[in-house]
Amino acid sequence: MTVSNAPSPLPQPAVGAARKTSPDVSPRRVPLPLPGRRVRQILCLLPLLLVSVVAVQHRSVLAEGFGHLRSAEWPWLLVAVCATCLTWVAAACTRQGAVVERLPKRRLLATQFAAGAANHLLPTGLGASAVNLRFMTVCGVPLARSSAALALYLLAESIGRLGLLAVLLLTFPDALSLGSLLPEQAVGALLPALGAVLLVAAVVLVLVRRVRTTVTAFLRTALGELREVHTRPCRALALWGGSLAFPALQAAGLAAVGQALGLPVPPLHMAVAYLAATVAVALVPTPGGLGSVEAALVVALVAAGGPAAVATAVVLAYRIITVWLPLLPGALTLGALVRLKII
């Protein structure tokens, strides 16, 4: 019996079988639409729809505000526009200072521009907070630490605004009549409501174990983030420098519009009026402060010594520059960021 040492030929797959089992990895093939993709497309168009709704609701304010802009001095209006643009840079610095990781600068700045539009379309602070929270998580920051960084940003911004207001009030004690800005009846109604809210929160925190555990874990994470940020001088400088620059630039924008329309109030007094009005209106959860901010600013400028008619014109023109002109580009930026999966 003869045994052949030649290797047996390997089996060759059939041509039809090879074509059947080879995967198609061509990147040119358009994937079928999925529910998640449809939801993202809807989210891209939602900001534009909200802008249209808000613009229609406030069309009379827009018409009057643009009318006042036509009679203003354009150099001062350009100063107001520049101050408004710099507020997004200050917000980006503060956001970067609140987190240890280095965030992409251009995307961070674009996110602040888009967050401004979201903030005017949703209840105060909610839109910007949601956009920035999503941005940080997409950048790889864990959700717990992203939430802690968001809380640190809000705390620093509040301290910066209140601190700047306190310094200006101490420097210019006669700049504003606080009694007309915040009547005693409002204080008498606000304090019991605030006390009731704090009491309910304390009871829930004590009695509900799950809430207590969640709050304790969040505070532990937030304190750790706070310590870590302040071990890096560049982060601490960005956090506190941006939190002071942000309200200062906003107040400077209002003062520039006041100069453009000839409001007979010193610019620093207008800055005091702006800071006091925004602190007072922070308790009113309207979308972007629309309506409440205008009313508070008019009252504050009148309390600072300005005529009511000119103060109203200044506030309307200022809100046109800071809210309505950036609203459509901000909404388009927001939709683009959603489409590109940056947020």
C-alpha atoms as a PDB file:
ATOM      1  CA  MET A   1       0.000   0.000   0.000  1.00  0.00           C
ATOM      2  CA  THR A   2       1.446   3.321  -1.048  1.00  0.00           C
ATOM      3  CA  VAL A   3       0.958   6.416   1.122  1.00  0.00           C
ATOM      4  CA  SER A   4       1.262   9.774  -0.636  1.00  0.00           C
ATOM      5  CA  ASN A   5       3.214  12.499   1.215  1.00  0.00           C
ATOM      6  CA  ALA A   6       1.779  15.297  -0.917  1.00  0.00           C
ATOM      7  CA  PRO A   7      -0.385  17.696   1.062  1.00  0.00           C
ATOM      8  CA  SER A   8      -4.056  17.498   0.326  1.00  0.00           C
ATOM      9  CA  PRO A   9      -5.398  20.609  -1.385  1.00  0.00           C
ATOM     10  CA  LEU A  10      -7.323  22.989   0.856  1.00  0.00           C
ATOM     11  CA  PRO A  11     -11.023  23.332   0.099  1.00  0.00           C
ATOM     12  CA  GLN A  12     -11.785  26.391  -1.947  1.00  0.00           C
ATOM     13  CA  PRO A  13     -14.953  28.309  -1.037  1.00  0.00           C
ATOM     14  CA  ALA A  14     -17.481  28.729  -3.754  1.00  0.00           C
ATOM     15  CA  VAL A  15     -17.662  32.072  -5.425  1.00  0.00           C
ATOM     16  CA  GLY A  16     -21.314  32.478  -4.576  1.00  0.00           C
ATOM     17  CA  ALA A  17     -20.664  31.671  -0.917  1.00  0.00           C
ATOM     18  CA  ALA A  18     -17.854  34.236  -0.708  1.00  0.00           C
ATOM     19  CA  ARG A  19     -20.115  36.930  -2.082  1.00  0.00           C
ATOM     20  CA  LYS A  20     -22.858  35.970   0.320  1.00  0.00           C
ATOM     21  CA  THR A  21     -20.759  36.077   3.484  1.00  0.00           C
ATOM     22  CA  SER A  22     -18.505  39.073   2.747  1.00  0.00           C
ATOM     23  CA  PRO A  23     -19.606  42.045   4.822  1.00  0.00           C
ATOM     24  CA  ASP A  24     -20.408  45.325   3.154  1.00  0.00           C
ATOM     25  CA  VAL A  25     -18.211  47.995   4.784  1.00  0.00           C
ATOM     26  CA  SER A  26     -18.559  50.642   2.125  1.00  0.00           C
ATOM     27  CA  PRO A  27     -18.707  54.039   3.870  1.00  0.00           C
ATOM     28  CA  ARG A  28     -20.673  55.503   0.980  1.00  0.00           C
ATOM     29  CA  ARG A  29     -23.813  53.577   1.777  1.00  0.00           C
ATOM     30  CA  VAL A  30     -26.399  55.753   3.482  1.00  0.00           C
ATOM     31  CA  PRO A  31     -27.758  54.018   6.607  1.00  0.00           C
ATOM     32  CA  LEU A  32     -31.443  53.594   7.021  1.00  0.00           C
ATOM     33  CA  PRO A  33     -33.142  56.205   9.208  1.00  0.00           C
ATOM     34  CA  LEU A  34     -33.389  55.137  12.833  1.00  0.00           C
ATOM     35  CA  PRO A  35     -35.687  56.509  15.564  1.00  0.00           C
ATOM     36  CA  GLY A  36     -32.702  58.059  17.342  1.00  0.00           C
ATOM     37  CA  ARG A  37     -31.625  59.793  14.139  1.00  0.00           C
ATOM     38  CA  ARG A  38     -35.126  61.163  13.644  1.00  0.00           C
ATOM     39  CA  VAL A  39     -35.190  62.470  17.211  1.00  0.00           C
ATOM     40  CA  ARG A  40     -31.853  64.229  16.640  1.00  0.00           C
ATOM     41  CA  GLN A  41     -33.167  65.818  13.436  1.00  0.00           C
ATOM     42  CA  ILE A  42     -36.217  67.081  15.320  1.00  0.00           C
ATOM     43  CA  LEU A  43     -33.969  68.507  18.032  1.00  0.00           C
ATOM     44  CA  CYS A  44     -31.980  70.350  15.365  1.00  0.00           C
ATOM     45  CA  LEU A  45     -35.135  72.138  14.168  1.00  0.00           C
ATOM     46  CA  LEU A  46     -36.721  72.674  17.579  1.00  0.00           C
ATOM     47  CA  PRO A  47     -34.678  75.805  18.487  1.00  0.00           C
ATOM     48  CA  LEU A  48     -35.761  77.533  15.266  1.00  0.00           C
ATOM     49  CA  LEU A  49     -39.398  76.735  16.020  1.00  0.00           C
ATOM     50  CA  LEU A  50     -39.085  78.112  19.540  1.00  0.00           C
ATOM     51  CA  VAL A  51     -37.419  81.280  18.241  1.00  0.00           C
ATOM     52  CA  SER A  52     -40.316  81.841  15.859  1.00  0.00           C
ATOM     53  CA  VAL A  53     -42.882  81.361  18.627  1.00  0.00           C
ATOM     54  CA  VAL A  54     -41.107  83.709  21.040  1.00  0.00           C
ATOM     55  CA  ALA A  55     -40.593  86.351  18.325  1.00  0.00           C
ATOM     56  CA  VAL A  56     -44.283  86.304  17.400  1.00  0.00           C
ATOM     57  CA  GLN A  57     -45.279  86.631  21.051  1.00  0.00           C
ATOM     58  CA  HIS A  58     -42.992  89.665  21.517  1.00  0.00           C
ATOM     59  CA  ARG A  59     -43.384  91.260  18.084  1.00  0.00           C
ATOM     60  CA  SER A  60     -44.553  94.600  19.508  1.00  0.00           C
ATOM     61  CA  VAL A  61     -41.501  94.776  21.777  1.00  0.00           C
ATOM     62  CA  LEU A  62     -39.234  93.968  18.833  1.00  0.00           C
ATOM     63  CA  ALA A  63     -40.767  96.673  16.654  1.00  0.00           C
ATOM     64  CA  GLU A  64     -40.460  99.312  19.376  1.00  0.00           C
ATOM     65  CA  GLY A  65     -36.918  98.266  20.268  1.00  0.00           C
ATOM     66  CA  PHE A  66     -35.675  98.468  16.679  1.00  0.00           C
ATOM     67  CA  GLY A  67     -37.347 101.857  16.392  1.00  0.00           C
ATOM     68  CA  HIS A  68     -35.291 103.170  19.305  1.00  0.00           C
ATOM     69  CA  LEU A  69     -32.103 101.741  17.797  1.00  0.00           C
ATOM     70  CA  ARG A  70     -32.579 103.842  14.657  1.00  0.00           C
ATOM     71  CA  SER A  71     -32.306 107.054  16.662  1.00  0.00           C
ATOM     72  CA  ALA A  72     -29.305 105.981  18.785  1.00  0.00           C
ATOM     73  CA  GLU A  73     -25.645 106.959  18.468  1.00  0.00           C
ATOM     74  CA  TRP A  74     -23.988 104.069  16.624  1.00  0.00           C
ATOM     75  CA  PRO A  75     -20.510 104.237  18.219  1.00  0.00           C
ATOM     76  CA  TRP A  76     -21.999 103.513  21.637  1.00  0.00           C
ATOM     77  CA  LEU A  77     -24.137 100.751  20.168  1.00  0.00           C
ATOM     78  CA  LEU A  78     -20.989  99.142  18.763  1.00  0.00           C
ATOM     79  CA  VAL A  79     -19.498  99.252  22.250  1.00  0.00           C
ATOM     80  CA  ALA A  80     -22.590  97.474  23.549  1.00  0.00           C
ATOM     81  CA  VAL A  81     -22.318  94.822  20.822  1.00  0.00           C
ATOM     82  CA  CYS A  82     -18.625  94.229  21.629  1.00  0.00           C
ATOM     83  CA  ALA A  83     -19.412  93.925  25.341  1.00  0.00           C
ATOM     84  CA  THR A  84     -22.140  91.391  24.543  1.00  0.00           C
ATOM     85  CA  CYS A  85     -19.753  89.301  22.436  1.00  0.00           C
ATOM     86  CA  LEU A  86     -17.170  89.340  25.217  1.00  0.00           C
ATOM     87  CA  THR A  87     -19.727  87.935  27.652  1.00  0.00           C
ATOM     88  CA  TRP A  88     -19.576  84.620  25.768  1.00  0.00           C
ATOM     89  CA  VAL A  89     -15.794  84.615  26.145  1.00  0.00           C
ATOM     90  CA  ALA A  90     -16.139  85.305  29.880  1.00  0.00           C
ATOM     91  CA  ALA A  91     -18.693  82.498  30.219  1.00  0.00           C
ATOM     92  CA  ALA A  92     -16.346  80.113  28.382  1.00  0.00           C
ATOM     93  CA  CYS A  93     -13.492  81.034  30.748  1.00  0.00           C
ATOM     94  CA  THR A  94     -15.686  80.418  33.782  1.00  0.00           C
ATOM     95  CA  ARG A  95     -16.884  77.070  32.419  1.00  0.00           C
ATOM     96  CA  GLN A  96     -13.299  75.988  31.789  1.00  0.00           C
ATOM     97  CA  GLY A  97     -12.250  77.117  35.243  1.00  0.00           C
ATOM     98  CA  ALA A  98     -14.960  74.989  36.856  1.00  0.00           C
ATOM     99  CA  VAL A  99     -13.585  71.703  35.511  1.00  0.00           C
ATOM    100  CA  VAL A 100     -10.112  70.173  35.694  1.00  0.00           C
ATOM    101  CA  GLU A 101     -10.065  68.645  32.205  1.00  0.00           C
ATOM    102  CA  ARG A 102      -9.055  70.842  29.293  1.00  0.00           C
ATOM    103  CA  LEU A 103     -12.089  71.470  27.097  1.00  0.00           C
ATOM    104  CA  PRO A 104     -11.765  72.196  23.344  1.00  0.00           C
ATOM    105  CA  LYS A 105     -11.680  76.005  23.148  1.00  0.00           C
ATOM    106  CA  ARG A 106     -13.575  76.605  19.919  1.00  0.00           C
ATOM    107  CA  ARG A 107     -16.299  74.132  20.751  1.00  0.00           C
ATOM    108  CA  LEU A 108     -16.553  75.559  24.248  1.00  0.00           C
ATOM    109  CA  LEU A 109     -17.018  79.085  22.908  1.00  0.00           C
ATOM    110  CA  ALA A 110     -19.583  77.917  20.340  1.00  0.00           C
ATOM    111  CA  THR A 111     -21.413  76.066  23.088  1.00  0.00           C
ATOM    112  CA  GLN A 112     -21.676  79.241  25.190  1.00  0.00           C
ATOM    113  CA  PHE A 113     -23.132  81.105  22.213  1.00  0.00           C
ATOM    114  CA  ALA A 114     -25.676  78.333  21.677  1.00  0.00           C
ATOM    115  CA  ALA A 115     -26.377  78.078  25.407  1.00  0.00           C
ATOM    116  CA  GLY A 116     -27.356  81.753  25.419  1.00  0.00           C
ATOM    117  CA  ALA A 117     -30.098  81.021  22.890  1.00  0.00           C
ATOM    118  CA  ALA A 118     -31.260  77.962  24.833  1.00  0.00           C
ATOM    119  CA  ASN A 119     -31.327  80.048  27.990  1.00  0.00           C
ATOM    120  CA  HIS A 120     -33.777  82.507  26.420  1.00  0.00           C
ATOM    121  CA  LEU A 121     -36.057  79.734  25.181  1.00  0.00           C
ATOM    122  CA  LEU A 122     -36.329  77.775  28.425  1.00  0.00           C
ATOM    123  CA  PRO A 123     -36.790  78.793  32.081  1.00  0.00           C
ATOM    124  CA  THR A 124     -33.924  80.871  33.421  1.00  0.00           C
ATOM    125  CA  GLY A 125     -30.692  78.923  33.702  1.00  0.00           C
ATOM    126  CA  LEU A 126     -32.187  75.592  32.619  1.00  0.00           C
ATOM    127  CA  GLY A 127     -31.368  75.839  28.919  1.00  0.00           C
ATOM    128  CA  ALA A 128     -27.738  76.887  29.352  1.00  0.00           C
ATOM    129  CA  SER A 129     -27.214  74.344  32.123  1.00  0.00           C
ATOM    130  CA  ALA A 130     -28.564  71.487  30.005  1.00  0.00           C
ATOM    131  CA  VAL A 131     -26.427  72.452  27.001  1.00  0.00           C
ATOM    132  CA  ASN A 132     -23.237  72.746  29.046  1.00  0.00           C
ATOM    133  CA  LEU A 133     -23.918  69.563  30.991  1.00  0.00           C
ATOM    134  CA  ARG A 134     -24.327  67.648  27.747  1.00  0.00           C
ATOM    135  CA  PHE A 135     -21.198  69.254  26.284  1.00  0.00           C
ATOM    136  CA  MET A 136     -19.036  68.247  29.251  1.00  0.00           C
ATOM    137  CA  THR A 137     -20.288  64.662  29.233  1.00  0.00           C
ATOM    138  CA  VAL A 138     -19.599  64.380  25.499  1.00  0.00           C
ATOM    139  CA  CYS A 139     -16.066  65.671  26.203  1.00  0.00           C
ATOM    140  CA  GLY A 140     -15.538  62.722  28.553  1.00  0.00           C
ATOM    141  CA  VAL A 141     -16.222  64.322  31.934  1.00  0.00           C
ATOM    142  CA  PRO A 142     -18.294  61.898  34.073  1.00  0.00           C
ATOM    143  CA  LEU A 143     -21.859  62.963  34.772  1.00  0.00           C
ATOM    144  CA  ALA A 144     -21.313  63.356  38.523  1.00  0.00           C
ATOM    145  CA  ARG A 145     -18.306  65.624  38.003  1.00  0.00           C
ATOM    146  CA  SER A 146     -20.038  67.514  35.190  1.00  0.00           C
ATOM    147  CA  SER A 147     -22.930  68.260  37.546  1.00  0.00           C
ATOM    148  CA  ALA A 148     -20.469  69.360  40.233  1.00  0.00           C
ATOM    149  CA  ALA A 149     -18.701  71.655  37.749  1.00  0.00           C
ATOM    150  CA  LEU A 150     -22.066  73.103  36.733  1.00  0.00           C
ATOM    151  CA  ALA A 151     -22.928  73.820  40.375  1.00  0.00           C
ATOM    152  CA  LEU A 152     -19.506  75.400  40.892  1.00  0.00           C
ATOM    153  CA  TYR A 153     -20.053  77.647  37.878  1.00  0.00           C
ATOM    154  CA  LEU A 154     -23.449  78.809  39.165  1.00  0.00           C
ATOM    155  CA  LEU A 155     -22.012  79.439  42.620  1.00  0.00           C
ATOM    156  CA  ALA A 156     -19.049  81.430  41.262  1.00  0.00           C
ATOM    157  CA  GLU A 157     -21.286  83.460  38.945  1.00  0.00           C
ATOM    158  CA  SER A 158     -23.663  84.299  41.802  1.00  0.00           C
ATOM    159  CA  ILE A 159     -20.803  85.274  44.115  1.00  0.00           C
ATOM    160  CA  GLY A 160     -19.228  87.387  41.378  1.00  0.00           C
ATOM    161  CA  ARG A 161     -22.487  89.218  40.639  1.00  0.00           C
ATOM    162  CA  LEU A 162     -23.350  89.823  44.295  1.00  0.00           C
ATOM    163  CA  GLY A 163     -19.776  90.813  45.138  1.00  0.00           C
ATOM    164  CA  LEU A 164     -19.590  93.292  42.275  1.00  0.00           C
ATOM    165  CA  LEU A 165     -22.951  94.771  43.295  1.00  0.00           C
ATOM    166  CA  ALA A 166     -21.839  95.094  46.926  1.00  0.00           C
ATOM    167  CA  VAL A 167     -18.607  96.874  45.946  1.00  0.00           C
ATOM    168  CA  LEU A 168     -20.451  99.330  43.693  1.00  0.00           C
ATOM    169  CA  LEU A 169     -23.104 100.024  46.310  1.00  0.00           C
ATOM    170  CA  LEU A 170     -20.436 100.715  48.921  1.00  0.00           C
ATOM    171  CA  THR A 171     -18.602 102.984  46.474  1.00  0.00           C
ATOM    172  CA  PHE A 172     -21.750 104.743  45.237  1.00  0.00           C
ATOM    173  CA  PRO A 173     -24.313 104.486  48.069  1.00  0.00           C
ATOM    174  CA  ASP A 174     -26.635 107.027  46.432  1.00  0.00           C
ATOM    175  CA  ALA A 175     -26.648 105.347  43.027  1.00  0.00           C
ATOM    176  CA  LEU A 176     -29.918 103.511  43.554  1.00  0.00           C
ATOM    177  CA  SER A 177     -33.028 103.763  45.676  1.00  0.00           C
ATOM    178  CA  LEU A 178     -33.505 100.142  46.741  1.00  0.00           C
ATOM    179  CA  GLY A 179     -36.897 100.902  48.275  1.00  0.00           C
ATOM    180  CA  SER A 180     -38.443 101.622  44.878  1.00  0.00           C
ATOM    181  CA  LEU A 181     -36.717  98.624  43.281  1.00  0.00           C
ATOM    182  CA  LEU A 182     -37.840  96.133  45.930  1.00  0.00           C
ATOM    183  CA  PRO A 183     -40.889  97.382  47.869  1.00  0.00           C
ATOM    184  CA  GLU A 184     -41.522  96.269  51.426  1.00  0.00           C
ATOM    185  CA  GLN A 185     -44.632  94.342  50.340  1.00  0.00           C
ATOM    186  CA  ALA A 186     -42.518  92.229  48.002  1.00  0.00           C
ATOM    187  CA  VAL A 187     -39.983  91.510  50.732  1.00  0.00           C
ATOM    188  CA  GLY A 188     -42.768  90.620  53.149  1.00  0.00           C
ATOM    189  CA  ALA A 189     -44.219  88.127  50.654  1.00  0.00           C
ATOM    190  CA  LEU A 190     -40.861  86.741  49.555  1.00  0.00           C
ATOM    191  CA  LEU A 191     -39.361  85.894  52.929  1.00  0.00           C
ATOM    192  CA  PRO A 192     -42.193  83.552  54.105  1.00  0.00           C
ATOM    193  CA  ALA A 193     -42.208  81.793  50.731  1.00  0.00           C
ATOM    194  CA  LEU A 194     -38.441  81.324  50.855  1.00  0.00           C
ATOM    195  CA  GLY A 195     -38.662  80.042  54.427  1.00  0.00           C
ATOM    196  CA  ALA A 196     -41.374  77.551  53.446  1.00  0.00           C
ATOM    197  CA  VAL A 197     -39.292  76.230  50.554  1.00  0.00           C
ATOM    198  CA  LEU A 198     -36.249  75.779  52.799  1.00  0.00           C
ATOM    199  CA  LEU A 199     -38.351  74.047  55.446  1.00  0.00           C
ATOM    200  CA  VAL A 200     -39.836  71.571  52.952  1.00  0.00           C
ATOM    201  CA  ALA A 201     -36.394  70.864  51.520  1.00  0.00           C
ATOM    202  CA  ALA A 202     -34.977  70.217  55.002  1.00  0.00           C
ATOM    203  CA  VAL A 203     -37.841  67.841  55.886  1.00  0.00           C
ATOM    204  CA  VAL A 204     -37.443  65.885  52.658  1.00  0.00           C
ATOM    205  CA  LEU A 205     -33.685  65.708  53.182  1.00  0.00           C
ATOM    206  CA  VAL A 206     -34.082  64.327  56.698  1.00  0.00           C
ATOM    207  CA  LEU A 207     -36.913  61.879  56.075  1.00  0.00           C
ATOM    208  CA  VAL A 208     -36.155  60.486  52.610  1.00  0.00           C
ATOM    209  CA  ARG A 209     -33.027  58.374  52.785  1.00  0.00           C
ATOM    210  CA  ARG A 210     -32.494  58.107  49.049  1.00  0.00           C
ATOM    211  CA  VAL A 211     -32.571  61.884  48.654  1.00  0.00           C
ATOM    212  CA  ARG A 212     -30.188  62.303  51.559  1.00  0.00           C
ATOM    213  CA  THR A 213     -27.759  59.778  50.068  1.00  0.00           C
ATOM    214  CA  THR A 214     -27.886  61.447  46.652  1.00  0.00           C
ATOM    215  CA  VAL A 215     -27.348  64.926  48.080  1.00  0.00           C
ATOM    216  CA  THR A 216     -24.476  63.719  50.265  1.00  0.00           C
ATOM    217  CA  ALA A 217     -22.743  62.038  47.323  1.00  0.00           C
ATOM    218  CA  PHE A 218     -23.194  65.128  45.183  1.00  0.00           C
ATOM    219  CA  LEU A 219     -21.776  67.434  47.855  1.00  0.00           C
ATOM    220  CA  ARG A 220     -18.794  65.118  48.320  1.00  0.00           C
ATOM    221  CA  THR A 221     -18.099  65.183  44.580  1.00  0.00           C
ATOM    222  CA  ALA A 222     -18.592  68.948  44.378  1.00  0.00           C
ATOM    223  CA  LEU A 223     -16.211  69.632  47.260  1.00  0.00           C
ATOM    224  CA  GLY A 224     -13.613  67.353  45.702  1.00  0.00           C
ATOM    225  CA  GLU A 225     -13.953  69.175  42.386  1.00  0.00           C
ATOM    226  CA  LEU A 226     -13.680  72.515  44.174  1.00  0.00           C
ATOM    227  CA  ARG A 227     -10.445  71.503  45.895  1.00  0.00           C
ATOM    228  CA  GLU A 228      -8.977  70.060  42.701  1.00  0.00           C
ATOM    229  CA  VAL A 229      -9.767  73.178  40.676  1.00  0.00           C
ATOM    230  CA  HIS A 230      -8.186  75.491  43.236  1.00  0.00           C
ATOM    231  CA  THR A 231      -4.954  73.498  43.261  1.00  0.00           C
ATOM    232  CA  ARG A 232      -4.403  74.793  39.716  1.00  0.00           C
ATOM    233  CA  PRO A 233      -3.909  78.578  39.592  1.00  0.00           C
ATOM    234  CA  CYS A 234      -4.898  78.838  35.926  1.00  0.00           C
ATOM    235  CA  ARG A 235      -8.250  77.144  36.602  1.00  0.00           C
ATOM    236  CA  ALA A 236      -8.948  79.274  39.685  1.00  0.00           C
ATOM    237  CA  LEU A 237      -8.089  82.453  37.764  1.00  0.00           C
ATOM    238  CA  ALA A 238     -10.366  81.470  34.879  1.00  0.00           C
ATOM    239  CA  LEU A 239     -13.196  80.587  37.270  1.00  0.00           C
ATOM    240  CA  TRP A 240     -13.214  83.746  39.378  1.00  0.00           C
ATOM    241  CA  GLY A 241     -11.972  86.110  36.694  1.00  0.00           C
ATOM    242  CA  GLY A 242     -14.692  84.996  34.317  1.00  0.00           C
ATOM    243  CA  SER A 243     -17.374  85.109  37.012  1.00  0.00           C
ATOM    244  CA  LEU A 244     -16.505  88.763  37.699  1.00  0.00           C
ATOM    245  CA  ALA A 245     -16.054  89.745  34.057  1.00  0.00           C
ATOM    246  CA  PHE A 246     -19.395  88.268  32.948  1.00  0.00           C
ATOM    247  CA  PRO A 247     -21.739  90.576  34.943  1.00  0.00           C
ATOM    248  CA  ALA A 248     -19.347  93.509  34.508  1.00  0.00           C
ATOM    249  CA  LEU A 249     -19.559  93.183  30.715  1.00  0.00           C
ATOM    250  CA  GLN A 250     -23.339  92.885  30.848  1.00  0.00           C
ATOM    251  CA  ALA A 251     -23.561  96.048  32.935  1.00  0.00           C
ATOM    252  CA  ALA A 252     -21.144  97.802  30.571  1.00  0.00           C
ATOM    253  CA  GLY A 253     -23.407  96.916  27.650  1.00  0.00           C
ATOM    254  CA  LEU A 254     -26.405  98.528  29.337  1.00  0.00           C
ATOM    255  CA  ALA A 255     -24.372 101.624  30.203  1.00  0.00           C
ATOM    256  CA  ALA A 256     -23.249 101.922  26.571  1.00  0.00           C
ATOM    257  CA  VAL A 257     -26.851 101.735  25.327  1.00  0.00           C
ATOM    258  CA  GLY A 258     -27.808 104.347  27.915  1.00  0.00           C
ATOM    259  CA  GLN A 259     -25.112 106.629  26.554  1.00  0.00           C
ATOM    260  CA  ALA A 260     -26.293 105.967  23.007  1.00  0.00           C
ATOM    261  CA  LEU A 261     -29.846 107.061  23.819  1.00  0.00           C
ATOM    262  CA  GLY A 262     -28.888 109.946  26.095  1.00  0.00           C
ATOM    263  CA  LEU A 263     -30.117 108.577  29.412  1.00  0.00           C
ATOM    264  CA  PRO A 264     -29.187 111.213  32.063  1.00  0.00           C
ATOM    265  CA  VAL A 265     -27.714 108.676  34.509  1.00  0.00           C
ATOM    266  CA  PRO A 266     -23.978 108.181  35.175  1.00  0.00           C
ATOM    267  CA  PRO A 267     -22.668 104.938  33.602  1.00  0.00           C
ATOM    268  CA  LEU A 268     -21.586 103.443  36.929  1.00  0.00           C
ATOM    269  CA  HIS A 269     -25.027 104.136  38.354  1.00  0.00           C
ATOM    270  CA  MET A 270     -26.529 102.322  35.385  1.00  0.00           C
ATOM    271  CA  ALA A 271     -24.216  99.403  36.156  1.00  0.00           C
ATOM    272  CA  VAL A 272     -25.491  99.343  39.743  1.00  0.00           C
ATOM    273  CA  ALA A 273     -29.077  99.418  38.458  1.00  0.00           C
ATOM    274  CA  TYR A 274     -28.407  96.515  36.103  1.00  0.00           C
ATOM    275  CA  LEU A 275     -26.799  94.310  38.755  1.00  0.00           C
ATOM    276  CA  ALA A 276     -29.537  95.043  41.291  1.00  0.00           C
ATOM    277  CA  ALA A 277     -32.280  94.316  38.756  1.00  0.00           C
ATOM    278  CA  THR A 278     -30.768  90.999  37.628  1.00  0.00           C
ATOM    279  CA  VAL A 279     -30.280  89.865  41.221  1.00  0.00           C
ATOM    280  CA  ALA A 280     -33.904  90.718  41.997  1.00  0.00           C
ATOM    281  CA  VAL A 281     -35.270  89.037  38.863  1.00  0.00           C
ATOM    282  CA  ALA A 282     -33.306  85.810  39.419  1.00  0.00           C
ATOM    283  CA  LEU A 283     -36.165  84.638  41.642  1.00  0.00           C
ATOM    284  CA  VAL A 284     -38.644  84.784  38.737  1.00  0.00           C
ATOM    285  CA  PRO A 285     -38.365  81.587  36.615  1.00  0.00           C
ATOM    286  CA  THR A 286     -39.376  82.979  33.230  1.00  0.00           C
ATOM    287  CA  PRO A 287     -37.651  81.926  29.989  1.00  0.00           C
ATOM    288  CA  GLY A 288     -34.447  83.945  29.887  1.00  0.00           C
ATOM    289  CA  GLY A 289     -36.099  86.536  32.102  1.00  0.00           C
ATOM    290  CA  LEU A 290     -38.183  87.711  29.134  1.00  0.00           C
ATOM    291  CA  GLY A 291     -40.640  90.255  30.484  1.00  0.00           C
ATOM    292  CA  SER A 292     -39.421  90.203  34.064  1.00  0.00           C
ATOM    293  CA  VAL A 293     -35.931  91.490  33.192  1.00  0.00           C
ATOM    294  CA  GLU A 294     -37.320  94.349  31.140  1.00  0.00           C
ATOM    295  CA  ALA A 295     -39.664  95.440  33.922  1.00  0.00           C
ATOM    296  CA  ALA A 296     -36.961  95.198  36.594  1.00  0.00           C
ATOM    297  CA  LEU A 297     -34.451  97.102  34.490  1.00  0.00           C
ATOM    298  CA  VAL A 298     -36.891  99.932  33.793  1.00  0.00           C
ATOM    299  CA  VAL A 299     -37.712 100.225  37.505  1.00  0.00           C
ATOM    300  CA  ALA A 300     -34.008 100.127  38.400  1.00  0.00           C
ATOM    301  CA  LEU A 301     -33.069 102.842  35.892  1.00  0.00           C
ATOM    302  CA  VAL A 302     -35.918 105.030  37.114  1.00  0.00           C
ATOM    303  CA  ALA A 303     -34.725 104.409  40.685  1.00  0.00           C
ATOM    304  CA  ALA A 304     -31.266 105.518  39.550  1.00  0.00           C
ATOM    305  CA  GLY A 305     -32.708 108.861  38.420  1.00  0.00           C
ATOM    306  CA  GLY A 306     -33.623 108.315  34.769  1.00  0.00           C
ATOM    307  CA  PRO A 307     -36.894 109.436  33.120  1.00  0.00           C
ATOM    308  CA  ALA A 308     -39.320 106.558  32.641  1.00  0.00           C
ATOM    309  CA  ALA A 309     -39.728 107.048  28.882  1.00  0.00           C
ATOM    310  CA  VAL A 310     -35.980 107.144  28.162  1.00  0.00           C
ATOM    311  CA  ALA A 311     -35.340 104.259  30.586  1.00  0.00           C
ATOM    312  CA  THR A 312     -37.906 102.138  28.741  1.00  0.00           C
ATOM    313  CA  ALA A 313     -36.262 102.945  25.398  1.00  0.00           C
ATOM    314  CA  VAL A 314     -32.823 102.033  26.778  1.00  0.00           C
ATOM    315  CA  VAL A 315     -34.043  98.703  28.135  1.00  0.00           C
ATOM    316  CA  LEU A 316     -35.796  97.750  24.898  1.00  0.00           C
ATOM    317  CA  ALA A 317     -32.752  98.649  22.792  1.00  0.00           C
ATOM    318  CA  TYR A 318     -30.449  96.781  25.193  1.00  0.00           C
ATOM    319  CA  ARG A 319     -32.562  93.637  25.046  1.00  0.00           C
ATOM    320  CA  ILE A 320     -32.625  93.833  21.252  1.00  0.00           C
ATOM    321  CA  ILE A 321     -28.808  93.766  21.220  1.00  0.00           C
ATOM    322  CA  THR A 322     -28.278  91.151  23.921  1.00  0.00           C
ATOM    323  CA  VAL A 323     -31.243  88.825  23.319  1.00  0.00           C
ATOM    324  CA  TRP A 324     -33.000  89.191  20.005  1.00  0.00           C
ATOM    325  CA  LEU A 325     -30.126  89.804  17.585  1.00  0.00           C
ATOM    326  CA  PRO A 326     -28.094  86.762  18.778  1.00  0.00           C
ATOM    327  CA  LEU A 327     -31.165  84.562  19.192  1.00  0.00           C
ATOM    328  CA  LEU A 328     -31.508  83.272  15.624  1.00  0.00           C
ATOM    329  CA  PRO A 329     -27.743  82.702  15.058  1.00  0.00           C
ATOM    330  CA  GLY A 330     -27.562  81.085  18.486  1.00  0.00           C
ATOM    331  CA  ALA A 331     -30.441  78.760  17.638  1.00  0.00           C
ATOM    332  CA  LEU A 332     -28.768  77.815  14.346  1.00  0.00           C
ATOM    333  CA  THR A 333     -25.523  77.139  16.216  1.00  0.00           C
ATOM    334  CA  LEU A 334     -27.403  75.024  18.723  1.00  0.00           C
ATOM    335  CA  GLY A 335     -28.963  72.954  15.958  1.00  0.00           C
ATOM    336  CA  ALA A 336     -25.576  72.519  14.276  1.00  0.00           C
ATOM    337  CA  LEU A 337     -23.956  71.376  17.526  1.00  0.00           C
ATOM    338  CA  VAL A 338     -26.715  68.825  18.013  1.00  0.00           C
ATOM    339  CA  ARG A 339     -26.356  67.607  14.432  1.00  0.00           C
ATOM    340  CA  LEU A 340     -22.557  67.275  14.795  1.00  0.00           C
ATOM    341  CA  LYS A 341     -23.029  65.444  18.114  1.00  0.00           C
ATOM    342  CA  ILE A 342     -20.959  68.002  19.995  1.00  0.00           C
ATOM    343  CA  ILE A 343     -23.823  68.227  22.453  1.00  0.00           C
END
